Amino acid sequence: MSDLIPGVLELLVCPACHGKLTWDYEASELVCTEIACGLAYPVRGGIPILVIDEARAPEEG
């Protein structure tokens, strides 16, 4: 599992809606906390891939 440098998560925002991101340890993703957005961005080798085209859309529930 990749890990982010401490403090980096506080600086990052969702590129789609500028909402806060949270770390999903199990999926190794950064997930937007905005309900209307909810995009999940992969983290590869400790590097967040904050590209909207690379993001996974939230599952409909």
Protein backbone atom coordinates (compact mmCIF):
# COMPACT_ATOMS: atom_id res chain seq x y z
CA MET A 1 0.00 0.00 0.00
CA SER A 2 1.27 3.43 -0.92
CA ASP A 3 1.43 6.12 1.68
CA LEU A 4 1.39 9.87 1.32
CA ILE A 5 3.88 12.23 2.88
CA PRO A 6 2.36 13.55 6.11
CA GLY A 7 0.63 16.89 5.62
CA VAL A 8 0.20 16.54 1.86
CA LEU A 9 -3.46 15.56 2.13
CA GLU A 10 -4.23 18.88 3.83
CA LEU A 11 -2.93 20.75 0.76
CA LEU A 12 -4.73 18.77 -1.94
CA VAL A 13 -8.23 19.44 -3.29
CA CYS A 14 -10.41 17.69 -5.85
CA PRO A 15 -9.59 19.09 -9.30
CA ALA A 16 -13.22 18.72 -10.38
CA CYS A 17 -15.02 20.58 -7.57
CA HIS A 18 -12.25 21.86 -5.26
CA GLY A 19 -13.66 19.85 -2.34
CA LYS A 20 -11.55 18.23 0.38
CA LEU A 21 -10.05 14.82 -0.21
CA THR A 22 -9.89 11.90 2.20
CA TRP A 23 -7.55 8.90 2.08
CA ASP A 24 -9.09 5.46 1.46
CA TYR A 25 -6.39 3.10 2.75
CA GLU A 26 -7.99 -0.11 1.47
CA ALA A 27 -8.41 1.12 -2.12
CA SER A 28 -5.26 3.30 -2.12
CA GLU A 29 -7.27 6.25 -3.41
CA LEU A 30 -8.01 9.84 -2.55
CA VAL A 31 -11.77 10.34 -2.43
CA CYS A 32 -13.58 13.67 -2.72
CA THR A 33 -15.75 14.35 0.32
CA GLU A 34 -18.31 16.43 -1.62
CA ILE A 35 -21.48 14.34 -1.99
CA ALA A 36 -22.27 15.82 -5.41
CA CYS A 37 -18.82 14.87 -6.71
CA GLY A 38 -17.29 11.88 -4.88
CA LEU A 39 -14.61 11.15 -7.48
CA ALA A 40 -11.86 8.74 -6.36
CA TYR A 41 -8.32 9.42 -7.57
CA PRO A 42 -5.69 6.66 -7.63
CA VAL A 43 -2.42 6.90 -5.71
CA ARG A 44 0.45 5.13 -7.47
CA GLY A 45 3.82 4.77 -5.81
CA GLY A 46 2.84 7.37 -3.23
CA ILE A 47 1.94 9.91 -5.92
CA PRO A 48 -1.68 11.08 -6.17
CA ILE A 49 -2.91 11.06 -9.77
CA LEU A 50 -5.22 14.09 -9.64
CA VAL A 51 -6.40 13.90 -13.24
CA ILE A 52 -10.17 13.90 -13.73
CA ASP A 53 -9.92 11.42 -16.63
CA GLU A 54 -8.07 8.98 -14.30
CA ALA A 55 -10.66 9.28 -11.51
CA ARG A 56 -13.21 6.61 -10.69
CA ALA A 57 -16.80 7.80 -10.42
CA PRO A 58 -18.68 6.98 -7.19
CA GLU A 59 -20.80 3.85 -7.19
CA GLU A 60 -24.53 4.45 -7.33
CA GLY A 61 -26.15 3.25 -4.14
